[in-house]
């Protein structure tokens, strides 16, 4: 049985921890066990690395030795407010593991890029010429110098109302709506207390708005989730009152999904598109995708297929590991 270590900052509150286990980790652990993975959630602090003068490198998780042949690390970058102090330790740990030859099903560089909504849009910019619709966006860091940003200049090509949200959070947290410049300044002023990178985008107010998530496994669309916001709400996330259901691929979505998916060479990822009744707007990328409280049986099959894809990619990785990495381990 292979090890699958999920690197996750251990700063959740006593109220968050049981909910995270029951609705998140428990589902992953069960699905992974069925495909011969042993899942353990660890913080970056649990990982020790020893590099010796004879050229060997030894890695330990909670003092137990591990090596690239029997261990995979999931390196999704977590950046919620209570995890801010862990960002650098996550990034540097991810790279240290990658440089040793460990297989990481989430590439650390992509984990950084896809964690920022504007960087995500820039990543896919080349697809605009092929018809990809990408929402216009403004990114700014609301910090000490907020009053020195020329908002009127930044907003020249935008009109109110505008969606305002943190660039790197998820779950619909912090998503707000500004109807005028006064409200926008107030929202950014609140964000400045946290030095938060913010995204400003046109508000899609269509009554037909659907947030589609396309789950990819082995480079192909596997499962499609449709989310709709509760009346009066501005986000469709389930934890914000949204409604969700698994659906067949809707007409017109397959082409942009395949177009965007060809740029991400990972065994599992999710693409989010906003459909306004006419166009599919590429919204964001989730390299994990999370657990969803819909049709548990189908979601478990999705996760099993995900972990099988991890295993297959790991086996392919091991075929050339000695050629690509200079380090030696006593377990190779």
C-alpha atoms as a PDB file:
ATOM      1  CA  UNK A   1       0.000   0.000   0.000  1.00  0.00           C
ATOM      2  CA  UNK A   2       1.400   3.372  -1.025  1.00  0.00           C
ATOM      3  CA  UNK A   3       1.473   6.463   1.176  1.00  0.00           C
ATOM      4  CA  UNK A   4      -0.550   9.490   0.086  1.00  0.00           C
ATOM      5  CA  UNK A   5       0.385  12.425   2.296  1.00  0.00           C
ATOM      6  CA  UNK A   6      -1.842  15.494   2.034  1.00  0.00           C
ATOM      7  CA  UNK A   7       0.068  18.592   3.137  1.00  0.00           C
ATOM      8  CA  UNK A   8      -2.426  20.804   4.956  1.00  0.00           C
ATOM      9  CA  UNK A   9      -1.768  23.595   7.495  1.00  0.00           C
ATOM     10  CA  UNK A  10      -2.961  22.384  10.893  1.00  0.00           C
ATOM     11  CA  UNK A  11      -4.514  25.663  12.047  1.00  0.00           C
ATOM     12  CA  UNK A  12      -8.202  24.783  11.883  1.00  0.00           C
ATOM     13  CA  UNK A  13     -10.323  25.702  14.879  1.00  0.00           C
ATOM     14  CA  UNK A  14     -11.889  23.126  17.193  1.00  0.00           C
ATOM     15  CA  UNK A  15     -15.185  23.717  15.367  1.00  0.00           C
ATOM     16  CA  UNK A  16     -13.609  23.326  11.927  1.00  0.00           C
ATOM     17  CA  UNK A  17     -11.651  20.128  12.599  1.00  0.00           C
ATOM     18  CA  UNK A  18     -14.542  17.649  13.008  1.00  0.00           C
ATOM     19  CA  UNK A  19     -16.386  19.156  10.035  1.00  0.00           C
ATOM     20  CA  UNK A  20     -13.265  18.953   7.856  1.00  0.00           C
ATOM     21  CA  UNK A  21     -12.818  15.304   8.762  1.00  0.00           C
ATOM     22  CA  UNK A  22     -16.453  14.289   8.350  1.00  0.00           C
ATOM     23  CA  UNK A  23     -17.119  16.115   5.082  1.00  0.00           C
ATOM     24  CA  UNK A  24     -13.641  16.187   3.533  1.00  0.00           C
ATOM     25  CA  UNK A  25     -10.858  13.920   4.739  1.00  0.00           C
ATOM     26  CA  UNK A  26     -13.109  10.952   5.577  1.00  0.00           C
ATOM     27  CA  UNK A  27     -14.381  10.837   1.996  1.00  0.00           C
ATOM     28  CA  UNK A  28     -10.858  10.965   0.548  1.00  0.00           C
ATOM     29  CA  UNK A  29      -9.516   8.357   2.966  1.00  0.00           C
ATOM     30  CA  UNK A  30     -12.318   5.931   2.125  1.00  0.00           C
ATOM     31  CA  UNK A  31     -11.971   6.316  -1.655  1.00  0.00           C
ATOM     32  CA  UNK A  32      -8.160   6.126  -1.563  1.00  0.00           C
ATOM     33  CA  UNK A  33      -8.174   2.996   0.586  1.00  0.00           C
ATOM     34  CA  UNK A  34     -10.228   1.220  -2.059  1.00  0.00           C
ATOM     35  CA  UNK A  35      -7.431   1.757  -4.590  1.00  0.00           C
ATOM     36  CA  UNK A  36      -4.630   0.769  -2.202  1.00  0.00           C
ATOM     37  CA  UNK A  37      -3.556   4.168  -0.861  1.00  0.00           C
ATOM     38  CA  UNK A  38      -2.989   5.011   2.767  1.00  0.00           C
ATOM     39  CA  UNK A  39      -4.007   8.681   3.222  1.00  0.00           C
ATOM     40  CA  UNK A  40      -2.628  10.820   6.005  1.00  0.00           C
ATOM     41  CA  UNK A  41      -3.108  14.555   6.466  1.00  0.00           C
ATOM     42  CA  UNK A  42       0.084  16.272   7.638  1.00  0.00           C
ATOM     43  CA  UNK A  43       1.464  19.769   7.980  1.00  0.00           C
ATOM     44  CA  UNK A  44       4.671  20.850   6.250  1.00  0.00           C
ATOM     45  CA  UNK A  45       6.251  20.832   9.700  1.00  0.00           C
ATOM     46  CA  UNK A  46       5.949  17.034   9.827  1.00  0.00           C
ATOM     47  CA  UNK A  47       8.488  16.645   6.995  1.00  0.00           C
ATOM     48  CA  UNK A  48      12.237  16.449   7.704  1.00  0.00           C
ATOM     49  CA  UNK A  49      14.896  16.159   4.994  1.00  0.00           C
ATOM     50  CA  UNK A  50      18.535  15.133   5.482  1.00  0.00           C
ATOM     51  CA  UNK A  51      21.084  15.731   2.711  1.00  0.00           C
ATOM     52  CA  UNK A  52      24.419  13.986   3.317  1.00  0.00           C
ATOM     53  CA  UNK A  53      27.922  14.510   1.968  1.00  0.00           C
ATOM     54  CA  UNK A  54      27.838  11.184   0.116  1.00  0.00           C
ATOM     55  CA  UNK A  55      25.046  12.504  -2.113  1.00  0.00           C
ATOM     56  CA  UNK A  56      22.179  10.684  -0.435  1.00  0.00           C
ATOM     57  CA  UNK A  57      18.998  12.383   0.657  1.00  0.00           C
ATOM     58  CA  UNK A  58      16.635  10.985   3.264  1.00  0.00           C
ATOM     59  CA  UNK A  59      13.090  12.180   3.936  1.00  0.00           C
ATOM     60  CA  UNK A  60      11.038  11.548   7.055  1.00  0.00           C
ATOM     61  CA  UNK A  61       7.361  12.112   7.820  1.00  0.00           C
ATOM     62  CA  UNK A  62       6.686  12.216  11.549  1.00  0.00           C
ATOM     63  CA  UNK A  63      10.109  10.567  11.982  1.00  0.00           C
ATOM     64  CA  UNK A  64       9.252   7.660   9.656  1.00  0.00           C
ATOM     65  CA  UNK A  65      11.398   7.276   6.488  1.00  0.00           C
ATOM     66  CA  UNK A  66       9.670   7.608   3.124  1.00  0.00           C
ATOM     67  CA  UNK A  67      10.950   7.570  -0.444  1.00  0.00           C
ATOM     68  CA  UNK A  68       9.707   8.391  -3.964  1.00  0.00           C
ATOM     69  CA  UNK A  69       8.942   4.751  -4.747  1.00  0.00           C
ATOM     70  CA  UNK A  70       6.285   4.348  -2.058  1.00  0.00           C
ATOM     71  CA  UNK A  71       5.070   7.870  -1.353  1.00  0.00           C
ATOM     72  CA  UNK A  72       3.080  10.602  -3.085  1.00  0.00           C
ATOM     73  CA  UNK A  73       2.566  14.091  -1.652  1.00  0.00           C
ATOM     74  CA  UNK A  74      -0.489  16.195  -2.525  1.00  0.00           C
ATOM     75  CA  UNK A  75       0.742  19.780  -2.712  1.00  0.00           C
ATOM     76  CA  UNK A  76      -2.326  21.980  -3.002  1.00  0.00           C
ATOM     77  CA  UNK A  77      -1.542  25.490  -1.721  1.00  0.00           C
ATOM     78  CA  UNK A  78      -3.841  26.635   1.101  1.00  0.00           C
ATOM     79  CA  UNK A  79      -4.066  30.388   1.657  1.00  0.00           C
ATOM     80  CA  UNK A  80      -7.090  31.169   3.816  1.00  0.00           C
ATOM     81  CA  UNK A  81      -6.518  33.981   6.361  1.00  0.00           C
ATOM     82  CA  UNK A  82      -5.722  31.653   9.257  1.00  0.00           C
ATOM     83  CA  UNK A  83      -3.162  29.851   7.044  1.00  0.00           C
ATOM     84  CA  UNK A  84      -1.189  32.914   5.915  1.00  0.00           C
ATOM     85  CA  UNK A  85       1.843  32.172   8.062  1.00  0.00           C
ATOM     86  CA  UNK A  86       2.073  28.737   6.418  1.00  0.00           C
ATOM     87  CA  UNK A  87       2.251  29.901   2.805  1.00  0.00           C
ATOM     88  CA  UNK A  88       6.054  30.146   2.516  1.00  0.00           C
ATOM     89  CA  UNK A  89       6.634  26.870   4.372  1.00  0.00           C
ATOM     90  CA  UNK A  90       4.170  25.139   2.030  1.00  0.00           C
ATOM     91  CA  UNK A  91       5.817  26.498  -1.124  1.00  0.00           C
ATOM     92  CA  UNK A  92       9.390  25.720  -0.079  1.00  0.00           C
ATOM     93  CA  UNK A  93       8.444  22.250   1.164  1.00  0.00           C
ATOM     94  CA  UNK A  94       6.671  21.504  -2.112  1.00  0.00           C
ATOM     95  CA  UNK A  95       9.768  22.432  -4.109  1.00  0.00           C
ATOM     96  CA  UNK A  96      12.129  20.509  -1.821  1.00  0.00           C
ATOM     97  CA  UNK A  97      10.038  17.369  -2.304  1.00  0.00           C
ATOM     98  CA  UNK A  98       9.835  17.880  -6.057  1.00  0.00           C
ATOM     99  CA  UNK A  99      13.590  18.376  -6.395  1.00  0.00           C
ATOM    100  CA  UNK A 100      14.214  15.104  -4.542  1.00  0.00           C
ATOM    101  CA  UNK A 101      12.137  13.179  -7.049  1.00  0.00           C
ATOM    102  CA  UNK A 102       8.880  12.677  -5.185  1.00  0.00           C
ATOM    103  CA  UNK A 103       5.865  12.509  -7.467  1.00  0.00           C
ATOM    104  CA  UNK A 104       3.518  15.442  -6.854  1.00  0.00           C
ATOM    105  CA  UNK A 105       0.181  15.093  -8.685  1.00  0.00           C
ATOM    106  CA  UNK A 106      -0.326  18.844  -8.242  1.00  0.00           C
ATOM    107  CA  UNK A 107       2.632  20.681  -9.729  1.00  0.00           C
ATOM    108  CA  UNK A 108       3.884  23.329  -7.232  1.00  0.00           C
ATOM    109  CA  UNK A 109       4.173  26.009  -9.902  1.00  0.00           C
ATOM    110  CA  UNK A 110       0.622  25.422 -11.097  1.00  0.00           C
ATOM    111  CA  UNK A 111      -0.518  25.371  -7.484  1.00  0.00           C
ATOM    112  CA  UNK A 112       0.774  28.931  -7.129  1.00  0.00           C
ATOM    113  CA  UNK A 113      -0.590  30.166 -10.461  1.00  0.00           C
ATOM    114  CA  UNK A 114      -4.066  28.659 -10.046  1.00  0.00           C
ATOM    115  CA  UNK A 115      -4.271  29.964  -6.486  1.00  0.00           C
ATOM    116  CA  UNK A 116      -4.496  33.515  -7.853  1.00  0.00           C
ATOM    117  CA  UNK A 117      -7.521  34.266 -10.006  1.00  0.00           C
ATOM    118  CA  UNK A 118      -5.802  36.844 -12.222  1.00  0.00           C
ATOM    119  CA  UNK A 119      -2.687  34.706 -12.685  1.00  0.00           C
ATOM    120  CA  UNK A 120      -5.066  31.939 -13.767  1.00  0.00           C
ATOM    121  CA  UNK A 121      -6.561  34.203 -16.435  1.00  0.00           C
ATOM    122  CA  UNK A 122      -3.111  35.212 -17.668  1.00  0.00           C
ATOM    123  CA  UNK A 123      -2.157  31.532 -17.895  1.00  0.00           C
ATOM    124  CA  UNK A 124      -5.047  30.921 -20.304  1.00  0.00           C
ATOM    125  CA  UNK A 125      -4.669  34.224 -22.206  1.00  0.00           C
ATOM    126  CA  UNK A 126      -3.239  32.465 -25.282  1.00  0.00           C
ATOM    127  CA  UNK A 127      -6.591  30.724 -25.776  1.00  0.00           C
ATOM    128  CA  UNK A 128      -8.505  33.938 -26.426  1.00  0.00           C
ATOM    129  CA  UNK A 129      -7.562  33.768 -30.100  1.00  0.00           C
ATOM    130  CA  UNK A 130      -9.216  30.342 -30.204  1.00  0.00           C
ATOM    131  CA  UNK A 131     -12.469  31.655 -28.795  1.00  0.00           C
ATOM    132  CA  UNK A 132     -11.998  31.289 -25.047  1.00  0.00           C
ATOM    133  CA  UNK A 133     -14.075  33.806 -23.067  1.00  0.00           C
ATOM    134  CA  UNK A 134     -12.205  35.146 -20.039  1.00  0.00           C
ATOM    135  CA  UNK A 135     -13.704  37.698 -17.664  1.00  0.00           C
ATOM    136  CA  UNK A 136     -11.992  41.139 -17.629  1.00  0.00           C
ATOM    137  CA  UNK A 137     -10.395  41.608 -14.218  1.00  0.00           C
ATOM    138  CA  UNK A 138      -8.438  44.038 -12.075  1.00  0.00           C
ATOM    139  CA  UNK A 139      -6.009  42.768  -9.456  1.00  0.00           C
ATOM    140  CA  UNK A 140      -4.691  45.034  -6.725  1.00  0.00           C
ATOM    141  CA  UNK A 141      -3.289  44.521  -3.270  1.00  0.00           C
ATOM    142  CA  UNK A 142      -5.320  46.361  -0.682  1.00  0.00           C
ATOM    143  CA  UNK A 143      -2.712  47.339   1.850  1.00  0.00           C
ATOM    144  CA  UNK A 144      -1.051  50.343   3.428  1.00  0.00           C
ATOM    145  CA  UNK A 145      -0.905  52.215   0.128  1.00  0.00           C
ATOM    146  CA  UNK A 146      -4.523  51.614  -0.848  1.00  0.00           C
ATOM    147  CA  UNK A 147      -5.294  55.351  -0.977  1.00  0.00           C
ATOM    148  CA  UNK A 148      -2.549  55.826  -3.574  1.00  0.00           C
ATOM    149  CA  UNK A 149      -4.176  53.497  -6.116  1.00  0.00           C
ATOM    150  CA  UNK A 150      -5.884  55.479  -8.858  1.00  0.00           C
ATOM    151  CA  UNK A 151      -9.155  53.547  -8.929  1.00  0.00           C
ATOM    152  CA  UNK A 152     -10.714  55.830 -11.529  1.00  0.00           C
ATOM    153  CA  UNK A 153      -7.839  55.020 -13.878  1.00  0.00           C
ATOM    154  CA  UNK A 154      -8.103  51.271 -13.230  1.00  0.00           C
ATOM    155  CA  UNK A 155     -11.870  51.323 -13.810  1.00  0.00           C
ATOM    156  CA  UNK A 156     -11.817  53.140 -17.149  1.00  0.00           C
ATOM    157  CA  UNK A 157     -13.108  50.097 -19.061  1.00  0.00           C
ATOM    158  CA  UNK A 158     -15.407  48.831 -16.281  1.00  0.00           C
ATOM    159  CA  UNK A 159     -18.860  49.810 -15.083  1.00  0.00           C
ATOM    160  CA  UNK A 160     -20.787  49.155 -11.882  1.00  0.00           C
ATOM    161  CA  UNK A 161     -21.962  46.941 -10.317  1.00  0.00           C
ATOM    162  CA  UNK A 162     -18.669  45.097  -9.829  1.00  0.00           C
ATOM    163  CA  UNK A 163     -17.846  41.814  -8.145  1.00  0.00           C
ATOM    164  CA  UNK A 164     -15.112  42.214  -5.531  1.00  0.00           C
ATOM    165  CA  UNK A 165     -13.370  39.201  -4.009  1.00  0.00           C
ATOM    166  CA  UNK A 166     -10.050  37.992  -2.592  1.00  0.00           C
ATOM    167  CA  UNK A 167      -7.697  36.729  -5.304  1.00  0.00           C
ATOM    168  CA  UNK A 168      -6.742  33.535  -3.499  1.00  0.00           C
ATOM    169  CA  UNK A 169      -9.606  32.433  -1.296  1.00  0.00           C
ATOM    170  CA  UNK A 170     -12.268  29.866  -2.134  1.00  0.00           C
ATOM    171  CA  UNK A 171     -15.690  28.664  -1.109  1.00  0.00           C
ATOM    172  CA  UNK A 172     -17.334  31.990  -1.894  1.00  0.00           C
ATOM    173  CA  UNK A 173     -15.717  33.545   1.178  1.00  0.00           C
ATOM    174  CA  UNK A 174     -15.234  37.301   0.912  1.00  0.00           C
ATOM    175  CA  UNK A 175     -17.173  37.690  -2.359  1.00  0.00           C
ATOM    176  CA  UNK A 176     -19.046  40.990  -2.348  1.00  0.00           C
ATOM    177  CA  UNK A 177     -20.768  43.392  -4.742  1.00  0.00           C
ATOM    178  CA  UNK A 178     -19.970  47.086  -5.169  1.00  0.00           C
ATOM    179  CA  UNK A 179     -22.680  49.243  -6.757  1.00  0.00           C
ATOM    180  CA  UNK A 180     -20.605  52.418  -6.903  1.00  0.00           C
ATOM    181  CA  UNK A 181     -17.160  53.845  -6.219  1.00  0.00           C
ATOM    182  CA  UNK A 182     -17.986  54.658  -2.598  1.00  0.00           C
ATOM    183  CA  UNK A 183     -18.911  51.039  -1.870  1.00  0.00           C
ATOM    184  CA  UNK A 184     -15.832  49.809  -3.717  1.00  0.00           C
ATOM    185  CA  UNK A 185     -13.540  52.023  -1.645  1.00  0.00           C
ATOM    186  CA  UNK A 186     -15.210  50.804   1.543  1.00  0.00           C
ATOM    187  CA  UNK A 187     -14.815  47.127   0.625  1.00  0.00           C
ATOM    188  CA  UNK A 188     -11.173  47.598  -0.349  1.00  0.00           C
ATOM    189  CA  UNK A 189     -10.637  49.542   2.878  1.00  0.00           C
ATOM    190  CA  UNK A 190     -11.777  46.550   4.888  1.00  0.00           C
ATOM    191  CA  UNK A 191      -9.501  44.278   2.836  1.00  0.00           C
ATOM    192  CA  UNK A 192      -6.563  46.624   3.492  1.00  0.00           C
ATOM    193  CA  UNK A 193      -6.590  45.581   7.137  1.00  0.00           C
ATOM    194  CA  UNK A 194      -5.324  42.247   5.896  1.00  0.00           C
ATOM    195  CA  UNK A 195      -3.092  43.369   2.993  1.00  0.00           C
ATOM    196  CA  UNK A 196      -5.326  41.200   0.829  1.00  0.00           C
ATOM    197  CA  UNK A 197      -4.867  40.793  -2.925  1.00  0.00           C
ATOM    198  CA  UNK A 198      -8.272  41.566  -4.449  1.00  0.00           C
ATOM    199  CA  UNK A 199      -9.975  40.883  -7.763  1.00  0.00           C
ATOM    200  CA  UNK A 200     -12.538  43.239  -9.326  1.00  0.00           C
ATOM    201  CA  UNK A 201     -14.696  41.907 -12.162  1.00  0.00           C
ATOM    202  CA  UNK A 202     -17.907  42.751 -14.032  1.00  0.00           C
ATOM    203  CA  UNK A 203     -20.965  41.365 -12.288  1.00  0.00           C
ATOM    204  CA  UNK A 204     -22.865  38.834 -14.406  1.00  0.00           C
ATOM    205  CA  UNK A 205     -26.458  39.434 -13.363  1.00  0.00           C
ATOM    206  CA  UNK A 206     -28.146  37.046 -15.793  1.00  0.00           C
ATOM    207  CA  UNK A 207     -31.061  35.091 -14.247  1.00  0.00           C
ATOM    208  CA  UNK A 208     -29.783  32.117 -16.271  1.00  0.00           C
ATOM    209  CA  UNK A 209     -26.367  32.179 -14.581  1.00  0.00           C
ATOM    210  CA  UNK A 210     -24.966  28.708 -13.881  1.00  0.00           C
ATOM    211  CA  UNK A 211     -21.571  27.909 -12.388  1.00  0.00           C
ATOM    212  CA  UNK A 212     -20.326  24.717 -14.043  1.00  0.00           C
ATOM    213  CA  UNK A 213     -17.432  22.673 -12.677  1.00  0.00           C
ATOM    214  CA  UNK A 214     -15.843  20.147 -15.018  1.00  0.00           C
ATOM    215  CA  UNK A 215     -13.827  17.453 -13.238  1.00  0.00           C
ATOM    216  CA  UNK A 216     -10.988  16.104 -15.375  1.00  0.00           C
ATOM    217  CA  UNK A 217      -9.406  12.686 -14.808  1.00  0.00           C
ATOM    218  CA  UNK A 218      -6.485  11.582 -16.987  1.00  0.00           C
ATOM    219  CA  UNK A 219      -6.970  14.621 -19.189  1.00  0.00           C
ATOM    220  CA  UNK A 220     -10.614  13.933 -20.019  1.00  0.00           C
ATOM    221  CA  UNK A 221     -13.879  15.389 -18.670  1.00  0.00           C
ATOM    222  CA  UNK A 222     -15.196  12.925 -16.109  1.00  0.00           C
ATOM    223  CA  UNK A 223     -17.996  14.567 -14.126  1.00  0.00           C
ATOM    224  CA  UNK A 224     -19.886  17.865 -14.481  1.00  0.00           C
ATOM    225  CA  UNK A 225     -21.393  19.771 -11.592  1.00  0.00           C
ATOM    226  CA  UNK A 226     -23.932  22.569 -12.072  1.00  0.00           C
ATOM    227  CA  UNK A 227     -24.298  25.142  -9.285  1.00  0.00           C
ATOM    228  CA  UNK A 228     -26.911  27.865  -9.027  1.00  0.00           C
ATOM    229  CA  UNK A 229     -27.045  30.665  -6.489  1.00  0.00           C
ATOM    230  CA  UNK A 230     -29.938  30.986  -4.110  1.00  0.00           C
ATOM    231  CA  UNK A 231     -32.225  33.864  -5.071  1.00  0.00           C
ATOM    232  CA  UNK A 232     -30.731  37.104  -3.807  1.00  0.00           C
ATOM    233  CA  UNK A 233     -27.266  35.627  -3.315  1.00  0.00           C
ATOM    234  CA  UNK A 234     -24.244  36.426  -5.486  1.00  0.00           C
ATOM    235  CA  UNK A 235     -22.349  33.114  -5.215  1.00  0.00           C
ATOM    236  CA  UNK A 236     -23.444  29.563  -5.969  1.00  0.00           C
ATOM    237  CA  UNK A 237     -21.242  27.766  -3.429  1.00  0.00           C
ATOM    238  CA  UNK A 238     -23.070  25.119  -1.414  1.00  0.00           C
ATOM    239  CA  UNK A 239     -21.815  26.605   1.850  1.00  0.00           C
ATOM    240  CA  UNK A 240     -23.460  29.860   0.808  1.00  0.00           C
ATOM    241  CA  UNK A 241     -26.884  28.387   0.142  1.00  0.00           C
ATOM    242  CA  UNK A 242     -26.348  27.423  -3.486  1.00  0.00           C
ATOM    243  CA  UNK A 243     -27.963  24.423  -5.143  1.00  0.00           C
ATOM    244  CA  UNK A 244     -25.889  21.818  -6.974  1.00  0.00           C
ATOM    245  CA  UNK A 245     -26.472  18.743  -9.085  1.00  0.00           C
ATOM    246  CA  UNK A 246     -24.418  16.427 -11.253  1.00  0.00           C
ATOM    247  CA  UNK A 247     -25.402  16.822 -14.908  1.00  0.00           C
ATOM    248  CA  UNK A 248     -24.466  15.667 -18.367  1.00  0.00           C
ATOM    249  CA  UNK A 249     -22.120  17.845 -20.403  1.00  0.00           C
ATOM    250  CA  UNK A 250     -24.255  20.855 -21.438  1.00  0.00           C
ATOM    251  CA  UNK A 251     -24.334  21.989 -25.038  1.00  0.00           C
ATOM    252  CA  UNK A 252     -21.461  24.296 -25.868  1.00  0.00           C
ATOM    253  CA  UNK A 253     -19.293  23.567 -22.804  1.00  0.00           C
ATOM    254  CA  UNK A 254     -17.258  20.636 -24.130  1.00  0.00           C
ATOM    255  CA  UNK A 255     -15.249  22.713 -26.603  1.00  0.00           C
ATOM    256  CA  UNK A 256     -13.989  25.413 -24.162  1.00  0.00           C
ATOM    257  CA  UNK A 257     -13.427  22.774 -21.475  1.00  0.00           C
ATOM    258  CA  UNK A 258     -11.215  20.666 -23.748  1.00  0.00           C
ATOM    259  CA  UNK A 259      -9.453  23.786 -25.002  1.00  0.00           C
ATOM    260  CA  UNK A 260      -8.519  24.891 -21.491  1.00  0.00           C
ATOM    261  CA  UNK A 261      -7.874  21.367 -20.238  1.00  0.00           C
ATOM    262  CA  UNK A 262      -5.147  20.748 -22.811  1.00  0.00           C
ATOM    263  CA  UNK A 263      -2.895  23.239 -21.003  1.00  0.00           C
ATOM    264  CA  UNK A 264      -2.981  21.425 -17.662  1.00  0.00           C
ATOM    265  CA  UNK A 265      -1.039  18.176 -17.714  1.00  0.00           C
ATOM    266  CA  UNK A 266      -2.180  16.723 -14.396  1.00  0.00           C
ATOM    267  CA  UNK A 267      -4.045  13.480 -13.587  1.00  0.00           C
ATOM    268  CA  UNK A 268      -6.847  15.406 -11.873  1.00  0.00           C
ATOM    269  CA  UNK A 269      -8.105  18.997 -11.857  1.00  0.00           C
ATOM    270  CA  UNK A 270     -11.302  21.020 -12.160  1.00  0.00           C
ATOM    271  CA  UNK A 271     -12.267  23.872 -14.484  1.00  0.00           C
ATOM    272  CA  UNK A 272     -14.998  26.311 -13.489  1.00  0.00           C
ATOM    273  CA  UNK A 273     -17.074  28.142 -16.104  1.00  0.00           C
ATOM    274  CA  UNK A 274     -19.810  30.746 -15.644  1.00  0.00           C
ATOM    275  CA  UNK A 275     -22.643  30.447 -18.152  1.00  0.00           C
ATOM    276  CA  UNK A 276     -24.762  33.576 -18.617  1.00  0.00           C
ATOM    277  CA  UNK A 277     -27.187  32.052 -21.091  1.00  0.00           C
ATOM    278  CA  UNK A 278     -24.981  32.803 -24.093  1.00  0.00           C
ATOM    279  CA  UNK A 279     -21.277  32.430 -23.272  1.00  0.00           C
ATOM    280  CA  UNK A 280     -19.142  30.169 -21.096  1.00  0.00           C
ATOM    281  CA  UNK A 281     -16.706  32.369 -19.176  1.00  0.00           C
ATOM    282  CA  UNK A 282     -13.609  30.654 -17.804  1.00  0.00           C
ATOM    283  CA  UNK A 283     -13.774  31.507 -14.119  1.00  0.00           C
ATOM    284  CA  UNK A 284     -11.086  29.613 -12.213  1.00  0.00           C
ATOM    285  CA  UNK A 285      -9.207  26.348 -11.798  1.00  0.00           C
ATOM    286  CA  UNK A 286      -9.336  24.052  -8.775  1.00  0.00           C
ATOM    287  CA  UNK A 287      -6.466  21.577  -8.685  1.00  0.00           C
ATOM    288  CA  UNK A 288      -8.102  19.696  -5.826  1.00  0.00           C
ATOM    289  CA  UNK A 289     -11.818  20.244  -6.373  1.00  0.00           C
ATOM    290  CA  UNK A 290     -12.905  19.341  -2.884  1.00  0.00           C
ATOM    291  CA  UNK A 291     -15.748  17.252  -1.547  1.00  0.00           C
ATOM    292  CA  UNK A 292     -19.290  18.014  -2.622  1.00  0.00           C
ATOM    293  CA  UNK A 293     -22.435  17.019  -0.746  1.00  0.00           C
ATOM    294  CA  UNK A 294     -24.191  15.663  -3.840  1.00  0.00           C
ATOM    295  CA  UNK A 295     -24.713  12.068  -4.976  1.00  0.00           C
ATOM    296  CA  UNK A 296     -22.131  10.530  -2.657  1.00  0.00           C
ATOM    297  CA  UNK A 297     -21.918   7.317  -4.691  1.00  0.00           C
ATOM    298  CA  UNK A 298     -20.907   9.110  -7.883  1.00  0.00           C
ATOM    299  CA  UNK A 299     -18.506  11.380  -6.030  1.00  0.00           C
ATOM    300  CA  UNK A 300     -16.828   8.357  -4.430  1.00  0.00           C
ATOM    301  CA  UNK A 301     -16.371   6.826  -7.900  1.00  0.00           C
ATOM    302  CA  UNK A 302     -14.869  10.106  -9.077  1.00  0.00           C
ATOM    303  CA  UNK A 303     -12.406  10.114  -6.188  1.00  0.00           C
ATOM    304  CA  UNK A 304     -11.482   6.477  -6.763  1.00  0.00           C
ATOM    305  CA  UNK A 305     -10.796   7.242 -10.416  1.00  0.00           C
ATOM    306  CA  UNK A 306      -8.782  10.252  -9.301  1.00  0.00           C
ATOM    307  CA  UNK A 307      -6.562   8.183  -7.029  1.00  0.00           C
ATOM    308  CA  UNK A 308      -6.183   5.485  -9.666  1.00  0.00           C
ATOM    309  CA  UNK A 309      -4.978   8.215 -12.020  1.00  0.00           C
ATOM    310  CA  UNK A 310      -2.514   9.326  -9.345  1.00  0.00           C
ATOM    311  CA  UNK A 311      -1.206   5.784  -9.059  1.00  0.00           C
ATOM    312  CA  UNK A 312      -0.813   5.333 -12.813  1.00  0.00           C
ATOM    313  CA  UNK A 313       0.986   8.654 -13.144  1.00  0.00           C
ATOM    314  CA  UNK A 314       3.234   7.695 -10.232  1.00  0.00           C
ATOM    315  CA  UNK A 315       4.192   4.401 -11.869  1.00  0.00           C
ATOM    316  CA  UNK A 316       5.047   6.223 -15.109  1.00  0.00           C
ATOM    317  CA  UNK A 317       7.058   8.739 -13.105  1.00  0.00           C
ATOM    318  CA  UNK A 318       9.110   6.000 -11.463  1.00  0.00           C
ATOM    319  CA  UNK A 319      10.167   4.584 -14.829  1.00  0.00           C
ATOM    320  CA  UNK A 320      12.416   7.597 -15.471  1.00  0.00           C
ATOM    321  CA  UNK A 321      13.125   8.910 -11.972  1.00  0.00           C
ATOM    322  CA  UNK A 322      16.745   7.710 -11.913  1.00  0.00           C
ATOM    323  CA  UNK A 323      17.436   9.457 -15.210  1.00  0.00           C
ATOM    324  CA  UNK A 324      15.963  12.809 -14.151  1.00  0.00           C
ATOM    325  CA  UNK A 325      17.060  13.206 -10.530  1.00  0.00           C
ATOM    326  CA  UNK A 326      20.645  13.172  -9.262  1.00  0.00           C
ATOM    327  CA  UNK A 327      19.907  12.211  -5.671  1.00  0.00           C
ATOM    328  CA  UNK A 328      20.318   8.758  -4.237  1.00  0.00           C
ATOM    329  CA  UNK A 329      18.250   7.281  -1.442  1.00  0.00           C
ATOM    330  CA  UNK A 330      18.833   4.132   0.558  1.00  0.00           C
ATOM    331  CA  UNK A 331      15.302   3.101  -0.461  1.00  0.00           C
ATOM    332  CA  UNK A 332      15.804   3.383  -4.273  1.00  0.00           C
END
